[in-house]
Amino acid sequence: MARTSDRTSDAVEILHRRFVEGKPEVEALVEEERLNASVAQQIYDLRMAAGLTQQQLAELVGTTTSVICRLEDADYQGHSLTMLRRLAEALSSRTEVHFIPKESARGTQGKVEGKRRPSRGKSETAASRPRSRTR
């Protein structure tokens, strides 16, 4: 009789099940790190596709090589939308921000469509953070 189980020999899956799955705080940290790594990889990939060095991209963006190096580091957590827009412009790209319901991020198919705000420049965002007013 064949045994059906969720056994795996994939080390990443084993570690995920043991240390992450079912722990919301750890899941949030892992997701944040995935996002940081994804942004860094996208910047690197776009720069390489454009055939630019970090120094050349820095000059196009109006910043220093060390800033570009930091932005391409998967551990960097200080990405700003302003800098991402500047990078996108220099790399003939545009910036999009998508907010995805947490249920969708976990694998359910529900998709929520939001209203788009008018673009204020050459780069576009699907949503932006509302500004708070102080009186």
Protein backbone atom coordinates (compact mmCIF):
# COMPACT_ATOMS: atom_id res chain seq x y z
CA MET A 1 0.00 0.00 0.00
CA ALA A 2 1.40 3.36 -1.01
CA ARG A 3 1.93 5.80 1.78
CA THR A 4 0.78 9.36 1.13
CA SER A 5 2.36 11.98 3.34
CA ASP A 6 3.81 15.43 3.17
CA ARG A 7 7.34 14.17 3.70
CA THR A 8 10.08 15.93 1.82
CA SER A 9 13.83 15.88 1.56
CA ASP A 10 13.97 19.55 0.52
CA ALA A 11 16.01 21.23 3.26
CA VAL A 12 14.44 24.65 2.68
CA GLU A 13 10.94 23.18 2.99
CA ILE A 14 11.91 21.28 6.15
CA LEU A 15 13.33 24.44 7.74
CA HIS A 16 10.28 26.44 6.67
CA ARG A 17 7.92 23.93 8.26
CA ARG A 18 9.98 23.69 11.42
CA PHE A 19 10.76 27.34 12.07
CA VAL A 20 8.41 29.56 10.04
CA GLU A 21 5.07 27.92 9.24
CA GLY A 22 2.33 28.86 11.68
CA LYS A 23 4.37 31.63 13.31
CA PRO A 24 2.96 34.95 12.06
CA GLU A 25 5.85 37.08 13.37
CA VAL A 26 8.47 34.91 11.68
CA GLU A 27 6.38 34.66 8.49
CA ALA A 28 6.25 38.48 8.37
CA LEU A 29 10.02 38.73 8.78
CA VAL A 30 10.62 36.16 6.04
CA GLU A 31 8.25 38.00 3.70
CA GLU A 32 10.02 41.31 4.40
CA GLU A 33 13.39 39.74 3.61
CA ARG A 34 11.99 38.23 0.39
CA LEU A 35 10.77 41.66 -0.66
CA ASN A 36 14.14 43.30 0.09
CA ALA A 37 15.97 40.59 -1.85
CA SER A 38 13.54 40.89 -4.76
CA VAL A 39 13.98 44.67 -5.04
CA ALA A 40 17.77 44.36 -4.85
CA GLN A 41 17.77 41.65 -7.53
CA GLN A 42 15.52 43.67 -9.84
CA ILE A 43 17.79 46.71 -9.57
CA TYR A 44 20.84 44.57 -10.30
CA ASP A 45 19.13 42.82 -13.24
CA LEU A 46 17.99 46.11 -14.80
CA ARG A 47 21.45 47.63 -14.40
CA MET A 48 23.13 44.61 -15.97
CA ALA A 49 20.61 44.51 -18.84
CA ALA A 50 21.40 48.17 -19.51
CA GLY A 51 25.11 47.32 -19.56
CA LEU A 52 25.91 49.81 -16.81
CA THR A 53 28.40 49.69 -13.98
CA GLN A 54 27.33 50.83 -10.52
CA GLN A 55 29.35 54.00 -11.09
CA GLN A 56 27.61 54.74 -14.40
CA LEU A 57 24.16 54.17 -12.89
CA ALA A 58 25.07 56.36 -9.91
CA GLU A 59 25.99 59.19 -12.30
CA LEU A 60 22.70 58.81 -14.19
CA VAL A 61 20.71 58.85 -10.95
CA GLY A 62 22.72 61.65 -9.37
CA THR A 63 24.02 59.69 -6.40
CA THR A 64 27.14 57.81 -5.33
CA THR A 65 28.37 54.34 -6.18
CA SER A 66 28.02 53.30 -2.54
CA VAL A 67 24.28 54.09 -2.65
CA ILE A 68 23.81 51.89 -5.73
CA CYS A 69 25.84 49.13 -4.06
CA ARG A 70 23.64 49.38 -0.96
CA LEU A 71 20.43 49.30 -3.05
CA GLU A 72 21.61 46.09 -4.73
CA ASP A 73 22.30 44.46 -1.35
CA ALA A 74 19.58 41.95 -0.38
CA ASP A 75 19.99 42.91 3.28
CA TYR A 76 19.30 46.61 2.68
CA GLN A 77 15.98 47.75 4.16
CA GLY A 78 15.95 51.46 3.31
CA HIS A 79 14.46 51.49 -0.19
CA SER A 80 12.54 54.70 -0.72
CA LEU A 81 9.93 55.16 -3.39
CA THR A 82 11.66 58.36 -4.48
CA MET A 83 14.96 56.57 -5.08
CA LEU A 84 13.24 53.67 -6.83
CA ARG A 85 11.55 56.16 -9.16
CA ARG A 86 14.90 57.82 -9.92
CA LEU A 87 16.44 54.42 -10.66
CA ALA A 88 13.51 53.45 -12.88
CA GLU A 89 13.81 56.67 -14.85
CA ALA A 90 17.55 56.19 -15.33
CA LEU A 91 16.95 52.61 -16.47
CA SER A 92 14.08 53.48 -18.84
CA SER A 93 11.58 51.69 -16.63
CA ARG A 94 8.66 52.62 -14.44
CA THR A 95 7.88 51.91 -10.82
CA GLU A 96 4.71 50.13 -9.73
CA VAL A 97 3.56 49.39 -6.21
CA HIS A 98 0.92 46.74 -5.68
CA PHE A 99 -0.92 46.07 -2.45
CA ILE A 100 -1.97 42.43 -2.23
CA PRO A 101 -4.34 41.18 0.47
CA LYS A 102 -2.59 38.87 2.91
CA GLU A 103 -4.97 36.03 2.00
CA SER A 104 -3.77 36.25 -1.63
CA ALA A 105 -0.16 36.26 -0.54
CA ARG A 106 -0.78 32.94 1.20
CA GLY A 107 -2.14 31.33 -1.94
CA THR A 108 -5.87 32.03 -2.21
CA GLN A 109 -7.06 33.36 -5.53
CA GLY A 110 -9.05 36.42 -4.33
CA LYS A 111 -7.85 39.62 -5.96
CA VAL A 112 -8.89 43.07 -4.91
CA GLU A 113 -8.79 45.81 -7.51
CA GLY A 114 -8.06 49.28 -6.19
CA LYS A 115 -8.58 52.68 -7.73
CA ARG A 116 -5.55 54.21 -9.38
CA ARG A 117 -4.50 57.71 -8.58
CA PRO A 118 -3.47 59.97 -11.44
CA SER A 119 0.23 59.90 -12.23
CA ARG A 120 2.26 62.89 -11.11
CA GLY A 121 5.30 62.13 -13.19
CA LYS A 122 6.86 59.73 -15.64
CA SER A 123 6.90 56.92 -13.08
CA GLU A 124 3.58 55.50 -11.93
CA THR A 125 2.46 53.83 -8.77
CA ALA A 126 -0.65 51.74 -8.32
CA ALA A 127 -1.13 53.14 -4.84
CA SER A 128 0.59 55.54 -2.53
CA ARG A 129 0.58 56.22 1.16
CA PRO A 130 -1.82 58.98 2.25
CA ARG A 131 -0.17 61.96 3.84
CA SER A 132 -1.13 62.88 7.37
CA ARG A 133 -1.90 66.44 8.26
CA THR A 134 -0.90 68.10 11.50
CA ARG A 135 -2.66 71.17 12.76
